[in-house]
Amino acid sequence: MKIFVKAKPNAKENKIIPPPLRLFESGPAPHEATQDTYTISVKERPIGGKANEAITKLLAEHFKVSCFQVRLISGATSKRKVFEIKN
């Protein structure tokens, strides 16, 4: 499963804000995944990949999987990231 993430490093607390639930689709599916984006705030600074590691740990806890099952696919240096979660 692919997860789209908007990262907020150097925050006051670690937290995940999941995307809002959409009960009804109106029209064709959007090409961008702006509606299905998780907003993840982490305390770590984006230096040396520490924020990416913190996001990986938070996603693993949230989806109740091992950290090894969460992989950063794209966006290593961007605030917009794509993670893959294997079951």
PDB file of N, CA and C in Angstrom:
ATOM      1  N   MET A   1       0.843  -1.150   0.000  1.00  0.00           N
ATOM      2  CA  MET A   1       0.000   0.000   0.000  1.00  0.00           C
ATOM      3  C   MET A   1       0.901   1.230   0.000  1.00  0.00           C
ATOM      4  N   LYS A   2       0.560   2.218  -0.810  1.00  0.00           N
ATOM      5  CA  LYS A   2       1.325   3.458  -0.861  1.00  0.00           C
ATOM      6  C   LYS A   2       0.647   4.515  -0.005  1.00  0.00           C
ATOM      7  N   ILE A   3       1.463   5.253   0.729  1.00  0.00           N
ATOM      8  CA  ILE A   3       0.996   6.318   1.609  1.00  0.00           C
ATOM      9  C   ILE A   3       1.653   7.613   1.161  1.00  0.00           C
ATOM     10  N   PHE A   4       0.845   8.639   0.931  1.00  0.00           N
ATOM     11  CA  PHE A   4       1.367   9.957   0.585  1.00  0.00           C
ATOM     12  C   PHE A   4       1.449  10.772   1.870  1.00  0.00           C
ATOM     13  N   VAL A   5       2.599  11.429   2.080  1.00  0.00           N
ATOM     14  CA  VAL A   5       2.877  12.106   3.346  1.00  0.00           C
ATOM     15  C   VAL A   5       3.312  13.543   3.090  1.00  0.00           C
ATOM     16  N   LYS A   6       2.781  14.447   3.902  1.00  0.00           N
ATOM     17  CA  LYS A   6       3.304  15.808   3.968  1.00  0.00           C
ATOM     18  C   LYS A   6       4.043  15.896   5.302  1.00  0.00           C
ATOM     19  N   ALA A   7       5.355  16.066   5.240  1.00  0.00           N
ATOM     20  CA  ALA A   7       6.196  16.051   6.434  1.00  0.00           C
ATOM     21  C   ALA A   7       6.301  17.440   7.048  1.00  0.00           C
ATOM     22  N   LYS A   8       6.265  17.480   8.371  1.00  0.00           N
ATOM     23  CA  LYS A   8       6.483  18.709   9.126  1.00  0.00           C
ATOM     24  C   LYS A   8       7.566  18.438  10.167  1.00  0.00           C
ATOM     25  N   PRO A   9       8.827  18.603   9.783  1.00  0.00           N
ATOM     26  CA  PRO A   9       9.916  18.355  10.734  1.00  0.00           C
ATOM     27  C   PRO A   9      10.063  19.498  11.723  1.00  0.00           C
ATOM     28  N   ASN A  10      10.828  19.248  12.783  1.00  0.00           N
ATOM     29  CA  ASN A  10      11.130  20.264  13.800  1.00  0.00           C
ATOM     30  C   ASN A  10       9.856  20.791  14.466  1.00  0.00           C
ATOM     31  N   ALA A  11       8.903  19.900  14.717  1.00  0.00           N
ATOM     32  CA  ALA A  11       7.639  20.267  15.348  1.00  0.00           C
ATOM     33  C   ALA A  11       7.743  20.123  16.866  1.00  0.00           C
ATOM     34  N   LYS A  12       6.727  20.578  17.554  1.00  0.00           N
ATOM     35  CA  LYS A  12       6.719  20.481  19.017  1.00  0.00           C
ATOM     36  C   LYS A  12       6.445  19.064  19.509  1.00  0.00           C
ATOM     37  N   GLU A  13       5.675  18.285  18.726  1.00  0.00           N
ATOM     38  CA  GLU A  13       5.334  16.930  19.130  1.00  0.00           C
ATOM     39  C   GLU A  13       5.234  16.026  17.903  1.00  0.00           C
ATOM     40  N   ASN A  14       5.373  14.738  18.141  1.00  0.00           N
ATOM     41  CA  ASN A  14       5.197  13.751  17.081  1.00  0.00           C
ATOM     42  C   ASN A  14       3.719  13.418  16.972  1.00  0.00           C
ATOM     43  N   LYS A  15       3.155  13.548  15.760  1.00  0.00           N
ATOM     44  CA  LYS A  15       1.755  13.170  15.582  1.00  0.00           C
ATOM     45  C   LYS A  15       1.461  12.921  14.117  1.00  0.00           C
ATOM     46  N   ILE A  16       0.420  12.108  13.902  1.00  0.00           N
ATOM     47  CA  ILE A  16      -0.057  11.789  12.558  1.00  0.00           C
ATOM     48  C   ILE A  16      -1.479  12.291  12.435  1.00  0.00           C
ATOM     49  N   ILE A  17      -1.744  13.031  11.371  1.00  0.00           N
ATOM     50  CA  ILE A  17      -3.100  13.462  11.051  1.00  0.00           C
ATOM     51  C   ILE A  17      -3.490  12.734   9.765  1.00  0.00           C
ATOM     52  N   PRO A  18      -4.393  11.736   9.872  1.00  0.00           N
ATOM     53  CA  PRO A  18      -4.780  10.988   8.679  1.00  0.00           C
ATOM     54  C   PRO A  18      -5.639  11.845   7.752  1.00  0.00           C
ATOM     55  N   PRO A  19      -5.752  11.434   6.492  1.00  0.00           N
ATOM     56  CA  PRO A  19      -6.597  12.194   5.568  1.00  0.00           C
ATOM     57  C   PRO A  19      -8.050  12.088   5.984  1.00  0.00           C
ATOM     58  N   PRO A  20      -8.869  13.074   5.627  1.00  0.00           N
ATOM     59  CA  PRO A  20     -10.287  13.000   5.982  1.00  0.00           C
ATOM     60  C   PRO A  20     -10.977  11.883   5.206  1.00  0.00           C
ATOM     61  N   LEU A  21     -11.983  11.295   5.826  1.00  0.00           N
ATOM     62  CA  LEU A  21     -12.745  10.244   5.159  1.00  0.00           C
ATOM     63  C   LEU A  21     -13.621  10.855   4.079  1.00  0.00           C
ATOM     64  N   ARG A  22     -13.631  10.212   2.925  1.00  0.00           N
ATOM     65  CA  ARG A  22     -14.515  10.657   1.842  1.00  0.00           C
ATOM     66  C   ARG A  22     -15.562   9.578   1.642  1.00  0.00           C
ATOM     67  N   LEU A  23     -16.810   9.923   1.895  1.00  0.00           N
ATOM     68  CA  LEU A  23     -17.876   8.943   1.771  1.00  0.00           C
ATOM     69  C   LEU A  23     -18.346   8.790   0.330  1.00  0.00           C
ATOM     70  N   PHE A  24     -18.340   9.885  -0.425  1.00  0.00           N
ATOM     71  CA  PHE A  24     -18.828   9.851  -1.792  1.00  0.00           C
ATOM     72  C   PHE A  24     -17.809  10.476  -2.721  1.00  0.00           C
ATOM     73  N   GLU A  25     -17.583   9.854  -3.848  1.00  0.00           N
ATOM     74  CA  GLU A  25     -16.703  10.402  -4.889  1.00  0.00           C
ATOM     75  C   GLU A  25     -17.572  11.210  -5.841  1.00  0.00           C
ATOM     76  N   SER A  26     -17.150  12.400  -6.151  1.00  0.00           N
ATOM     77  CA  SER A  26     -17.875  13.185  -7.140  1.00  0.00           C
ATOM     78  C   SER A  26     -16.952  13.416  -8.330  1.00  0.00           C
ATOM     79  N   GLY A  27     -17.301  12.863  -9.464  1.00  0.00           N
ATOM     80  CA  GLY A  27     -16.502  13.035 -10.664  1.00  0.00           C
ATOM     81  C   GLY A  27     -15.356  12.047 -10.712  1.00  0.00           C
ATOM     82  N   PRO A  28     -14.469  12.222 -11.706  1.00  0.00           N
ATOM     83  CA  PRO A  28     -13.331  11.297 -11.851  1.00  0.00           C
ATOM     84  C   PRO A  28     -12.322  11.469 -10.717  1.00  0.00           C
ATOM     85  N   ALA A  29     -11.537  10.448 -10.502  1.00  0.00           N
ATOM     86  CA  ALA A  29     -10.519  10.484  -9.443  1.00  0.00           C
ATOM     87  C   ALA A  29      -9.453  11.520  -9.782  1.00  0.00           C
ATOM     88  N   PRO A  30      -9.010  12.293  -8.802  1.00  0.00           N
ATOM     89  CA  PRO A  30      -7.978  13.300  -9.082  1.00  0.00           C
ATOM     90  C   PRO A  30      -6.642  12.648  -9.387  1.00  0.00           C
ATOM     91  N   HIS A  31      -5.835  13.314 -10.205  1.00  0.00           N
ATOM     92  CA  HIS A  31      -4.526  12.777 -10.564  1.00  0.00           C
ATOM     93  C   HIS A  31      -3.542  12.929  -9.415  1.00  0.00           C
ATOM     94  N   GLU A  32      -3.675  13.976  -8.631  1.00  0.00           N
ATOM     95  CA  GLU A  32      -2.789  14.162  -7.486  1.00  0.00           C
ATOM     96  C   GLU A  32      -3.463  13.596  -6.247  1.00  0.00           C
ATOM     97  N   ALA A  33      -2.675  13.171  -5.308  1.00  0.00           N
ATOM     98  CA  ALA A  33      -3.207  12.545  -4.105  1.00  0.00           C
ATOM     99  C   ALA A  33      -3.305  13.547  -2.959  1.00  0.00           C
ATOM    100  N   THR A  34      -3.673  14.790  -3.249  1.00  0.00           N
ATOM    101  CA  THR A  34      -3.737  15.799  -2.193  1.00  0.00           C
ATOM    102  C   THR A  34      -4.825  15.482  -1.178  1.00  0.00           C
ATOM    103  N   GLN A  35      -5.883  14.803  -1.598  1.00  0.00           N
ATOM    104  CA  GLN A  35      -6.966  14.460  -0.688  1.00  0.00           C
ATOM    105  C   GLN A  35      -6.569  13.325   0.260  1.00  0.00           C
ATOM    106  N   ASP A  36      -5.686  12.443  -0.181  1.00  0.00           N
ATOM    107  CA  ASP A  36      -5.334  11.251   0.585  1.00  0.00           C
ATOM    108  C   ASP A  36      -3.952  11.359   1.201  1.00  0.00           C
ATOM    109  N   THR A  37      -3.596  12.536   1.677  1.00  0.00           N
ATOM    110  CA  THR A  37      -2.257  12.768   2.216  1.00  0.00           C
ATOM    111  C   THR A  37      -2.296  12.780   3.740  1.00  0.00           C
ATOM    112  N   TYR A  38      -1.387  12.002   4.338  1.00  0.00           N
ATOM    113  CA  TYR A  38      -1.209  12.032   5.782  1.00  0.00           C
ATOM    114  C   TYR A  38      -0.284  13.199   6.115  1.00  0.00           C
ATOM    115  N   THR A  39      -0.622  13.973   7.120  1.00  0.00           N
ATOM    116  CA  THR A  39       0.253  15.034   7.612  1.00  0.00           C
ATOM    117  C   THR A  39       0.940  14.493   8.859  1.00  0.00           C
ATOM    118  N   ILE A  40       2.272  14.442   8.810  1.00  0.00           N
ATOM    119  CA  ILE A  40       3.031  13.853   9.913  1.00  0.00           C
ATOM    120  C   ILE A  40       4.022  14.878  10.448  1.00  0.00           C
ATOM    121  N   SER A  41       3.883  15.194  11.730  1.00  0.00           N
ATOM    122  CA  SER A  41       4.790  16.112  12.411  1.00  0.00           C
ATOM    123  C   SER A  41       5.753  15.308  13.274  1.00  0.00           C
ATOM    124  N   VAL A  42       7.035  15.654  13.191  1.00  0.00           N
ATOM    125  CA  VAL A  42       8.050  14.992  14.008  1.00  0.00           C
ATOM    126  C   VAL A  42       8.946  16.037  14.658  1.00  0.00           C
ATOM    127  N   LYS A  43       9.487  15.696  15.815  1.00  0.00           N
ATOM    128  CA  LYS A  43      10.360  16.615  16.547  1.00  0.00           C
ATOM    129  C   LYS A  43      11.737  16.751  15.906  1.00  0.00           C
ATOM    130  N   GLU A  44      12.184  15.726  15.206  1.00  0.00           N
ATOM    131  CA  GLU A  44      13.534  15.717  14.645  1.00  0.00           C
ATOM    132  C   GLU A  44      13.683  16.739  13.518  1.00  0.00           C
ATOM    133  N   ARG A  45      14.910  17.217  13.371  1.00  0.00           N
ATOM    134  CA  ARG A  45      15.223  18.165  12.300  1.00  0.00           C
ATOM    135  C   ARG A  45      15.554  17.377  11.034  1.00  0.00           C
ATOM    136  N   PRO A  46      15.340  17.981   9.878  1.00  0.00           N
ATOM    137  CA  PRO A  46      15.600  17.257   8.626  1.00  0.00           C
ATOM    138  C   PRO A  46      17.076  17.245   8.235  1.00  0.00           C
ATOM    139  N   ILE A  47      17.903  16.799   9.137  1.00  0.00           N
ATOM    140  CA  ILE A  47      19.353  16.747   8.890  1.00  0.00           C
ATOM    141  C   ILE A  47      19.795  15.294   8.998  1.00  0.00           C
ATOM    142  N   GLY A  48      20.469  14.819   7.980  1.00  0.00           N
ATOM    143  CA  GLY A  48      20.998  13.455   8.004  1.00  0.00           C
ATOM    144  C   GLY A  48      19.936  12.381   7.953  1.00  0.00           C
ATOM    145  N   GLY A  49      18.750  12.689   7.480  1.00  0.00           N
ATOM    146  CA  GLY A  49      17.692  11.692   7.364  1.00  0.00           C
ATOM    147  C   GLY A  49      17.003  11.339   8.661  1.00  0.00           C
ATOM    148  N   LYS A  50      17.254  12.110   9.728  1.00  0.00           N
ATOM    149  CA  LYS A  50      16.657  11.786  11.029  1.00  0.00           C
ATOM    150  C   LYS A  50      15.143  11.974  11.029  1.00  0.00           C
ATOM    151  N   ALA A  51      14.648  12.993  10.310  1.00  0.00           N
ATOM    152  CA  ALA A  51      13.198  13.202  10.236  1.00  0.00           C
ATOM    153  C   ALA A  51      12.538  12.056   9.467  1.00  0.00           C
ATOM    154  N   ASN A  52      13.180  11.575   8.403  1.00  0.00           N
ATOM    155  CA  ASN A  52      12.636  10.446   7.646  1.00  0.00           C
ATOM    156  C   ASN A  52      12.572   9.187   8.502  1.00  0.00           C
ATOM    157  N   GLU A  53      13.579   8.965   9.325  1.00  0.00           N
ATOM    158  CA  GLU A  53      13.574   7.813  10.225  1.00  0.00           C
ATOM    159  C   GLU A  53      12.437   7.922  11.244  1.00  0.00           C
ATOM    160  N   ALA A  54      12.221   9.118  11.766  1.00  0.00           N
ATOM    161  CA  ALA A  54      11.147   9.330  12.735  1.00  0.00           C
ATOM    162  C   ALA A  54       9.779   9.112  12.090  1.00  0.00           C
ATOM    163  N   ILE A  55       9.618   9.571  10.852  1.00  0.00           N
ATOM    164  CA  ILE A  55       8.353   9.365  10.142  1.00  0.00           C
ATOM    165  C   ILE A  55       8.128   7.881   9.897  1.00  0.00           C
ATOM    166  N   THR A  56       9.179   7.170   9.540  1.00  0.00           N
ATOM    167  CA  THR A  56       9.075   5.727   9.322  1.00  0.00           C
ATOM    168  C   THR A  56       8.615   5.019  10.592  1.00  0.00           C
ATOM    169  N   LYS A  57       9.183   5.390  11.732  1.00  0.00           N
ATOM    170  CA  LYS A  57       8.796   4.776  13.005  1.00  0.00           C
ATOM    171  C   LYS A  57       7.343   5.087  13.354  1.00  0.00           C
ATOM    172  N   LEU A  58       6.925   6.335  13.135  1.00  0.00           N
ATOM    173  CA  LEU A  58       5.533   6.706  13.426  1.00  0.00           C
ATOM    174  C   LEU A  58       4.558   5.942  12.541  1.00  0.00           C
ATOM    175  N   LEU A  59       4.876   5.815  11.252  1.00  0.00           N
ATOM    176  CA  LEU A  59       4.005   5.063  10.355  1.00  0.00           C
ATOM    177  C   LEU A  59       3.930   3.601  10.759  1.00  0.00           C
ATOM    178  N   ALA A  60       5.055   3.029  11.173  1.00  0.00           N
ATOM    179  CA  ALA A  60       5.067   1.634  11.612  1.00  0.00           C
ATOM    180  C   ALA A  60       4.178   1.446  12.840  1.00  0.00           C
ATOM    181  N   GLU A  61       4.256   2.360  13.784  1.00  0.00           N
ATOM    182  CA  GLU A  61       3.398   2.287  14.976  1.00  0.00           C
ATOM    183  C   GLU A  61       1.930   2.456  14.603  1.00  0.00           C
ATOM    184  N   HIS A  62       1.656   3.415  13.722  1.00  0.00           N
ATOM    185  CA  HIS A  62       0.269   3.712  13.333  1.00  0.00           C
ATOM    186  C   HIS A  62      -0.393   2.523  12.641  1.00  0.00           C
ATOM    187  N   PHE A  63       0.341   1.869  11.739  1.00  0.00           N
ATOM    188  CA  PHE A  63      -0.216   0.749  10.990  1.00  0.00           C
ATOM    189  C   PHE A  63       0.081  -0.600  11.627  1.00  0.00           C
ATOM    190  N   LYS A  64       0.735  -0.583  12.803  1.00  0.00           N
ATOM    191  CA  LYS A  64       1.030  -1.794  13.579  1.00  0.00           C
ATOM    192  C   LYS A  64       1.813  -2.823  12.756  1.00  0.00           C
ATOM    193  N   VAL A  65       2.900  -2.340  12.157  1.00  0.00           N
ATOM    194  CA  VAL A  65       3.821  -3.201  11.421  1.00  0.00           C
ATOM    195  C   VAL A  65       5.233  -2.911  11.911  1.00  0.00           C
ATOM    196  N   SER A  66       6.186  -3.710  11.462  1.00  0.00           N
ATOM    197  CA  SER A  66       7.583  -3.492  11.802  1.00  0.00           C
ATOM    198  C   SER A  66       8.137  -2.320  10.999  1.00  0.00           C
ATOM    199  N   CYS A  67       9.164  -1.682  11.521  1.00  0.00           N
ATOM    200  CA  CYS A  67       9.818  -0.585  10.793  1.00  0.00           C
ATOM    201  C   CYS A  67      10.400  -1.060   9.467  1.00  0.00           C
ATOM    202  N   PHE A  68      10.759  -2.345   9.401  1.00  0.00           N
ATOM    203  CA  PHE A  68      11.325  -2.900   8.179  1.00  0.00           C
ATOM    204  C   PHE A  68      10.282  -3.047   7.073  1.00  0.00           C
ATOM    205  N   GLN A  69       9.000  -2.969   7.433  1.00  0.00           N
ATOM    206  CA  GLN A  69       7.927  -3.078   6.450  1.00  0.00           C
ATOM    207  C   GLN A  69       7.511  -1.720   5.894  1.00  0.00           C
ATOM    208  N   VAL A  70       8.110  -0.652   6.382  1.00  0.00           N
ATOM    209  CA  VAL A  70       7.820   0.703   5.899  1.00  0.00           C
ATOM    210  C   VAL A  70       9.049   1.184   5.141  1.00  0.00           C
ATOM    211  N   ARG A  71       8.834   1.597   3.879  1.00  0.00           N
ATOM    212  CA  ARG A  71       9.958   1.989   3.030  1.00  0.00           C
ATOM    213  C   ARG A  71       9.655   3.319   2.356  1.00  0.00           C
ATOM    214  N   LEU A  72      10.612   4.226   2.378  1.00  0.00           N
ATOM    215  CA  LEU A  72      10.490   5.509   1.690  1.00  0.00           C
ATOM    216  C   LEU A  72      10.749   5.284   0.209  1.00  0.00           C
ATOM    217  N   ILE A  73       9.759   5.579  -0.624  1.00  0.00           N
ATOM    218  CA  ILE A  73       9.887   5.370  -2.067  1.00  0.00           C
ATOM    219  C   ILE A  73      10.440   6.614  -2.748  1.00  0.00           C
ATOM    220  N   SER A  74       9.865   7.777  -2.429  1.00  0.00           N
ATOM    221  CA  SER A  74      10.347   9.011  -3.051  1.00  0.00           C
ATOM    222  C   SER A  74      10.159  10.182  -2.103  1.00  0.00           C
ATOM    223  N   GLY A  75      10.945  11.243  -2.344  1.00  0.00           N
ATOM    224  CA  GLY A  75      10.833  12.451  -1.554  1.00  0.00           C
ATOM    225  C   GLY A  75      11.762  12.504  -0.366  1.00  0.00           C
ATOM    226  N   ALA A  76      12.940  11.931  -0.475  1.00  0.00           N
ATOM    227  CA  ALA A  76      13.871  11.892   0.657  1.00  0.00           C
ATOM    228  C   ALA A  76      14.241  13.293   1.141  1.00  0.00           C
ATOM    229  N   THR A  77      14.334  14.258   0.235  1.00  0.00           N
ATOM    230  CA  THR A  77      14.700  15.626   0.630  1.00  0.00           C
ATOM    231  C   THR A  77      13.549  16.603   0.451  1.00  0.00           C
ATOM    232  N   SER A  78      12.356  16.105   0.224  1.00  0.00           N
ATOM    233  CA  SER A  78      11.183  16.949   0.002  1.00  0.00           C
ATOM    234  C   SER A  78      10.224  16.831   1.183  1.00  0.00           C
ATOM    235  N   LYS A  79       9.320  17.793   1.324  1.00  0.00           N
ATOM    236  CA  LYS A  79       8.280  17.676   2.348  1.00  0.00           C
ATOM    237  C   LYS A  79       7.176  16.734   1.903  1.00  0.00           C
ATOM    238  N   ARG A  80       7.018  16.559   0.595  1.00  0.00           N
ATOM    239  CA  ARG A  80       6.052  15.608   0.038  1.00  0.00           C
ATOM    240  C   ARG A  80       6.766  14.285  -0.188  1.00  0.00           C
ATOM    241  N   LYS A  81       6.282  13.240   0.466  1.00  0.00           N
ATOM    242  CA  LYS A  81       6.945  11.941   0.415  1.00  0.00           C
ATOM    243  C   LYS A  81       5.955  10.857   0.061  1.00  0.00           C
ATOM    244  N   VAL A  82       6.475   9.744  -0.435  1.00  0.00           N
ATOM    245  CA  VAL A  82       5.668   8.560  -0.697  1.00  0.00           C
ATOM    246  C   VAL A  82       6.327   7.384   0.016  1.00  0.00           C
ATOM    247  N   PHE A  83       5.551   6.724   0.852  1.00  0.00           N
ATOM    248  CA  PHE A  83       6.021   5.547   1.582  1.00  0.00           C
ATOM    249  C   PHE A  83       5.253   4.331   1.108  1.00  0.00           C
ATOM    250  N   GLU A  84       5.902   3.180   1.176  1.00  0.00           N
ATOM    251  CA  GLU A  84       5.246   1.911   0.885  1.00  0.00           C
ATOM    252  C   GLU A  84       5.190   1.116   2.179  1.00  0.00           C
ATOM    253  N   ILE A  85       4.013   0.559   2.458  1.00  0.00           N
ATOM    254  CA  ILE A  85       3.827  -0.259   3.651  1.00  0.00           C
ATOM    255  C   ILE A  85       3.474  -1.662   3.199  1.00  0.00           C
ATOM    256  N   LYS A  86       4.309  -2.629   3.576  1.00  0.00           N
ATOM    257  CA  LYS A  86       4.082  -4.025   3.212  1.00  0.00           C
ATOM    258  C   LYS A  86       3.411  -4.737   4.373  1.00  0.00           C
ATOM    259  N   ASN A  87       2.463  -5.581   4.057  1.00  0.00           N
ATOM    260  CA  ASN A  87       1.751  -6.346   5.095  1.00  0.00           C
ATOM    261  C   ASN A  87       2.358  -7.700   5.282  1.00  0.00           C
TER     262      ASN A  87
END
